[in-house]
Amino acid sequence: MGIEKIPTKGIFGAIIGLGIMVIILVAIPAARWFLLLSIPAGVVVALILRLANRRRE
């Protein structure tokens, strides 16, 4: 079984993704700072794109 066989859709895929993220956060301390900064930045970008899409309609 290769890595390409891991399901990435649905609830099971979300659980696998969160599990991998937790493992990385525990194993690599520098990843904590990266996620601490990148997750809020991603949320801001998502909100801007959503607002821009609503104005276009």
PDB file of N, CA and C in Angstrom:
ATOM      1  N   MET A   1       0.850  -1.190   0.000  1.00  0.00           N
ATOM      2  CA  MET A   1       0.000   0.000   0.000  1.00  0.00           C
ATOM      3  C   MET A   1       0.887   1.243   0.000  1.00  0.00           C
ATOM      4  N   GLY A   2       0.640   2.125  -0.939  1.00  0.00           N
ATOM      5  CA  GLY A   2       1.418   3.346  -1.042  1.00  0.00           C
ATOM      6  C   GLY A   2       0.673   4.529  -0.469  1.00  0.00           C
ATOM      7  N   ILE A   3       1.357   5.655  -0.414  1.00  0.00           N
ATOM      8  CA  ILE A   3       0.762   6.867   0.133  1.00  0.00           C
ATOM      9  C   ILE A   3      -0.401   7.365  -0.727  1.00  0.00           C
ATOM     10  N   GLU A   4      -0.402   7.017  -2.001  1.00  0.00           N
ATOM     11  CA  GLU A   4      -1.474   7.452  -2.884  1.00  0.00           C
ATOM     12  C   GLU A   4      -2.802   6.769  -2.574  1.00  0.00           C
ATOM     13  N   LYS A   5      -2.778   5.714  -1.780  1.00  0.00           N
ATOM     14  CA  LYS A   5      -3.997   4.985  -1.427  1.00  0.00           C
ATOM     15  C   LYS A   5      -4.708   5.568  -0.207  1.00  0.00           C
ATOM     16  N   ILE A   6      -4.100   6.526   0.481  1.00  0.00           N
ATOM     17  CA  ILE A   6      -4.719   7.123   1.662  1.00  0.00           C
ATOM     18  C   ILE A   6      -5.893   7.983   1.217  1.00  0.00           C
ATOM     19  N   PRO A   7      -7.084   7.748   1.786  1.00  0.00           N
ATOM     20  CA  PRO A   7      -8.249   8.542   1.383  1.00  0.00           C
ATOM     21  C   PRO A   7      -8.098   9.996   1.829  1.00  0.00           C
ATOM     22  N   THR A   8      -8.496  10.916   0.963  1.00  0.00           N
ATOM     23  CA  THR A   8      -8.383  12.343   1.285  1.00  0.00           C
ATOM     24  C   THR A   8      -9.712  13.060   1.243  1.00  0.00           C
ATOM     25  N   LYS A   9     -10.807  12.337   1.072  1.00  0.00           N
ATOM     26  CA  LYS A   9     -12.121  12.970   1.016  1.00  0.00           C
ATOM     27  C   LYS A   9     -12.941  12.581   2.233  1.00  0.00           C
ATOM     28  N   GLY A  10     -13.829  13.460   2.614  1.00  0.00           N
ATOM     29  CA  GLY A  10     -14.768  13.151   3.674  1.00  0.00           C
ATOM     30  C   GLY A  10     -14.183  13.259   5.064  1.00  0.00           C
ATOM     31  N   ILE A  11     -14.925  12.714   6.006  1.00  0.00           N
ATOM     32  CA  ILE A  11     -14.556  12.778   7.420  1.00  0.00           C
ATOM     33  C   ILE A  11     -13.255  12.006   7.680  1.00  0.00           C
ATOM     34  N   PHE A  12     -13.122  10.836   7.071  1.00  0.00           N
ATOM     35  CA  PHE A  12     -11.921  10.024   7.289  1.00  0.00           C
ATOM     36  C   PHE A  12     -10.677  10.760   6.809  1.00  0.00           C
ATOM     37  N   GLY A  13     -10.754  11.430   5.692  1.00  0.00           N
ATOM     38  CA  GLY A  13      -9.628  12.208   5.191  1.00  0.00           C
ATOM     39  C   GLY A  13      -9.283  13.373   6.108  1.00  0.00           C
ATOM     40  N   ALA A  14     -10.321  14.004   6.683  1.00  0.00           N
ATOM     41  CA  ALA A  14     -10.086  15.110   7.623  1.00  0.00           C
ATOM     42  C   ALA A  14      -9.403  14.604   8.888  1.00  0.00           C
ATOM     43  N   ILE A  15      -9.829  13.434   9.360  1.00  0.00           N
ATOM     44  CA  ILE A  15      -9.203  12.863  10.552  1.00  0.00           C
ATOM     45  C   ILE A  15      -7.737  12.538  10.284  1.00  0.00           C
ATOM     46  N   ILE A  16      -7.456  11.974   9.122  1.00  0.00           N
ATOM     47  CA  ILE A  16      -6.065  11.662   8.773  1.00  0.00           C
ATOM     48  C   ILE A  16      -5.245  12.944   8.665  1.00  0.00           C
ATOM     49  N   GLY A  17      -5.794  13.966   8.031  1.00  0.00           N
ATOM     50  CA  GLY A  17      -5.081  15.233   7.905  1.00  0.00           C
ATOM     51  C   GLY A  17      -4.788  15.875   9.252  1.00  0.00           C
ATOM     52  N   LEU A  18      -5.766  15.871  10.140  1.00  0.00           N
ATOM     53  CA  LEU A  18      -5.550  16.439  11.477  1.00  0.00           C
ATOM     54  C   LEU A  18      -4.530  15.619  12.263  1.00  0.00           C
ATOM     55  N   GLY A  19      -4.579  14.298  12.101  1.00  0.00           N
ATOM     56  CA  GLY A  19      -3.614  13.448  12.783  1.00  0.00           C
ATOM     57  C   GLY A  19      -2.197  13.726  12.329  1.00  0.00           C
ATOM     58  N   ILE A  20      -2.006  13.875  11.031  1.00  0.00           N
ATOM     59  CA  ILE A  20      -0.678  14.193  10.496  1.00  0.00           C
ATOM     60  C   ILE A  20      -0.213  15.550  11.015  1.00  0.00           C
ATOM     61  N   MET A  21      -1.127  16.511  11.087  1.00  0.00           N
ATOM     62  CA  MET A  21      -0.770  17.838  11.570  1.00  0.00           C
ATOM     63  C   MET A  21      -0.345  17.791  13.041  1.00  0.00           C
ATOM     64  N   VAL A  22      -1.044  17.014  13.852  1.00  0.00           N
ATOM     65  CA  VAL A  22      -0.679  16.887  15.268  1.00  0.00           C
ATOM     66  C   VAL A  22       0.684  16.228  15.413  1.00  0.00           C
ATOM     67  N   ILE A  23       0.944  15.194  14.628  1.00  0.00           N
ATOM     68  CA  ILE A  23       2.244  14.520  14.694  1.00  0.00           C
ATOM     69  C   ILE A  23       3.365  15.486  14.333  1.00  0.00           C
ATOM     70  N   ILE A  24       3.155  16.288  13.312  1.00  0.00           N
ATOM     71  CA  ILE A  24       4.178  17.254  12.902  1.00  0.00           C
ATOM     72  C   ILE A  24       4.385  18.310  13.981  1.00  0.00           C
ATOM     73  N   LEU A  25       3.302  18.762  14.613  1.00  0.00           N
ATOM     74  CA  LEU A  25       3.427  19.770  15.671  1.00  0.00           C
ATOM     75  C   LEU A  25       4.207  19.236  16.865  1.00  0.00           C
ATOM     76  N   VAL A  26       4.025  17.967  17.182  1.00  0.00           N
ATOM     77  CA  VAL A  26       4.752  17.378  18.307  1.00  0.00           C
ATOM     78  C   VAL A  26       6.213  17.133  17.932  1.00  0.00           C
ATOM     79  N   ALA A  27       6.457  16.671  16.706  1.00  0.00           N
ATOM     80  CA  ALA A  27       7.803  16.278  16.302  1.00  0.00           C
ATOM     81  C   ALA A  27       8.696  17.456  15.934  1.00  0.00           C
ATOM     82  N   ILE A  28       8.117  18.520  15.384  1.00  0.00           N
ATOM     83  CA  ILE A  28       8.925  19.640  14.881  1.00  0.00           C
ATOM     84  C   ILE A  28       8.470  20.931  15.554  1.00  0.00           C
ATOM     85  N   PRO A  29       9.190  21.389  16.567  1.00  0.00           N
ATOM     86  CA  PRO A  29       8.768  22.602  17.280  1.00  0.00           C
ATOM     87  C   PRO A  29       8.654  23.846  16.382  1.00  0.00           C
ATOM     88  N   ALA A  30       9.485  23.958  15.351  1.00  0.00           N
ATOM     89  CA  ALA A  30       9.415  25.129  14.470  1.00  0.00           C
ATOM     90  C   ALA A  30       8.095  25.177  13.707  1.00  0.00           C
ATOM     91  N   ALA A  31       7.470  24.022  13.510  1.00  0.00           N
ATOM     92  CA  ALA A  31       6.192  23.981  12.796  1.00  0.00           C
ATOM     93  C   ALA A  31       5.095  24.673  13.589  1.00  0.00           C
ATOM     94  N   ARG A  32       5.230  24.707  14.908  1.00  0.00           N
ATOM     95  CA  ARG A  32       4.223  25.388  15.739  1.00  0.00           C
ATOM     96  C   ARG A  32       4.137  26.861  15.386  1.00  0.00           C
ATOM     97  N   TRP A  33       5.287  27.502  15.244  1.00  0.00           N
ATOM     98  CA  TRP A  33       5.294  28.932  14.904  1.00  0.00           C
ATOM     99  C   TRP A  33       4.762  29.168  13.498  1.00  0.00           C
ATOM    100  N   PHE A  34       5.134  28.282  12.584  1.00  0.00           N
ATOM    101  CA  PHE A  34       4.650  28.412  11.216  1.00  0.00           C
ATOM    102  C   PHE A  34       3.124  28.333  11.183  1.00  0.00           C
ATOM    103  N   LEU A  35       2.547  27.338  11.843  1.00  0.00           N
ATOM    104  CA  LEU A  35       1.093  27.195  11.850  1.00  0.00           C
ATOM    105  C   LEU A  35       0.430  28.313  12.635  1.00  0.00           C
ATOM    106  N   LEU A  36       1.068  28.765  13.697  1.00  0.00           N
ATOM    107  CA  LEU A  36       0.520  29.861  14.489  1.00  0.00           C
ATOM    108  C   LEU A  36       0.344  31.119  13.640  1.00  0.00           C
ATOM    109  N   LEU A  37       1.247  31.321  12.692  1.00  0.00           N
ATOM    110  CA  LEU A  37       1.164  32.499  11.828  1.00  0.00           C
ATOM    111  C   LEU A  37       0.375  32.242  10.543  1.00  0.00           C
ATOM    112  N   SER A  38       0.486  31.048   9.986  1.00  0.00           N
ATOM    113  CA  SER A  38      -0.120  30.802   8.677  1.00  0.00           C
ATOM    114  C   SER A  38      -1.615  30.521   8.742  1.00  0.00           C
ATOM    115  N   ILE A  39      -2.102  29.917   9.807  1.00  0.00           N
ATOM    116  CA  ILE A  39      -3.540  29.626   9.885  1.00  0.00           C
ATOM    117  C   ILE A  39      -4.362  30.914   9.964  1.00  0.00           C
ATOM    118  N   PRO A  40      -4.035  31.876  10.853  1.00  0.00           N
ATOM    119  CA  PRO A  40      -4.805  33.132  10.834  1.00  0.00           C
ATOM    120  C   PRO A  40      -4.663  33.891   9.511  1.00  0.00           C
ATOM    121  N   ALA A  41      -3.491  33.856   8.902  1.00  0.00           N
ATOM    122  CA  ALA A  41      -3.310  34.521   7.611  1.00  0.00           C
ATOM    123  C   ALA A  41      -4.190  33.864   6.556  1.00  0.00           C
ATOM    124  N   GLY A  42      -4.297  32.553   6.568  1.00  0.00           N
ATOM    125  CA  GLY A  42      -5.165  31.846   5.630  1.00  0.00           C
ATOM    126  C   GLY A  42      -6.626  32.172   5.828  1.00  0.00           C
ATOM    127  N   VAL A  43      -7.036  32.330   7.078  1.00  0.00           N
ATOM    128  CA  VAL A  43      -8.425  32.693   7.362  1.00  0.00           C
ATOM    129  C   VAL A  43      -8.725  34.092   6.832  1.00  0.00           C
ATOM    130  N   VAL A  44      -7.793  35.017   7.004  1.00  0.00           N
ATOM    131  CA  VAL A  44      -7.984  36.384   6.493  1.00  0.00           C
ATOM    132  C   VAL A  44      -8.095  36.375   4.969  1.00  0.00           C
ATOM    133  N   VAL A  45      -7.234  35.639   4.301  1.00  0.00           N
ATOM    134  CA  VAL A  45      -7.290  35.557   2.843  1.00  0.00           C
ATOM    135  C   VAL A  45      -8.607  34.930   2.392  1.00  0.00           C
ATOM    136  N   ALA A  46      -9.064  33.895   3.087  1.00  0.00           N
ATOM    137  CA  ALA A  46     -10.338  33.263   2.737  1.00  0.00           C
ATOM    138  C   ALA A  46     -11.498  34.236   2.883  1.00  0.00           C
ATOM    139  N   LEU A  47     -11.490  35.032   3.931  1.00  0.00           N
ATOM    140  CA  LEU A  47     -12.561  36.022   4.119  1.00  0.00           C
ATOM    141  C   LEU A  47     -12.537  37.094   3.033  1.00  0.00           C
ATOM    142  N   ILE A  48     -11.346  37.543   2.673  1.00  0.00           N
ATOM    143  CA  ILE A  48     -11.227  38.555   1.612  1.00  0.00           C
ATOM    144  C   ILE A  48     -11.744  37.989   0.291  1.00  0.00           C
ATOM    145  N   LEU A  49     -11.363  36.766  -0.037  1.00  0.00           N
ATOM    146  CA  LEU A  49     -11.834  36.154  -1.281  1.00  0.00           C
ATOM    147  C   LEU A  49     -13.344  35.954  -1.269  1.00  0.00           C
ATOM    148  N   ARG A  50     -13.888  35.595  -0.133  1.00  0.00           N
ATOM    149  CA  ARG A  50     -15.349  35.405  -0.038  1.00  0.00           C
ATOM    150  C   ARG A  50     -16.089  36.729  -0.238  1.00  0.00           C
ATOM    151  N   LEU A  51     -15.579  37.778   0.391  1.00  0.00           N
ATOM    152  CA  LEU A  51     -16.209  39.099   0.226  1.00  0.00           C
ATOM    153  C   LEU A  51     -16.085  39.594  -1.214  1.00  0.00           C
ATOM    154  N   ALA A  52     -14.941  39.365  -1.821  1.00  0.00           N
ATOM    155  CA  ALA A  52     -14.730  39.795  -3.203  1.00  0.00           C
ATOM    156  C   ALA A  52     -15.682  39.037  -4.140  1.00  0.00           C
ATOM    157  N   ASN A  53     -15.925  37.786  -3.868  1.00  0.00           N
ATOM    158  CA  ASN A  53     -16.816  36.986  -4.705  1.00  0.00           C
ATOM    159  C   ASN A  53     -18.272  37.450  -4.550  1.00  0.00           C
ATOM    160  N   ARG A  54     -18.657  37.834  -3.349  1.00  0.00           N
ATOM    161  CA  ARG A  54     -20.025  38.319  -3.125  1.00  0.00           C
ATOM    162  C   ARG A  54     -20.273  39.643  -3.841  1.00  0.00           C
ATOM    163  N   ARG A  55     -19.284  40.498  -3.888  1.00  0.00           N
ATOM    164  CA  ARG A  55     -19.454  41.802  -4.558  1.00  0.00           C
ATOM    165  C   ARG A  55     -19.577  41.639  -6.064  1.00  0.00           C
ATOM    166  N   ARG A  56     -18.952  40.598  -6.610  1.00  0.00           N
ATOM    167  CA  ARG A  56     -18.998  40.358  -8.049  1.00  0.00           C
ATOM    168  C   ARG A  56     -20.371  39.897  -8.502  1.00  0.00           C
ATOM    169  N   GLU A  57     -21.106  39.248  -7.616  1.00  0.00           N
ATOM    170  CA  GLU A  57     -22.405  38.688  -8.015  1.00  0.00           C
ATOM    171  C   GLU A  57     -23.491  39.698  -8.106  1.00  0.00           C
TER     172      GLU A  57
END
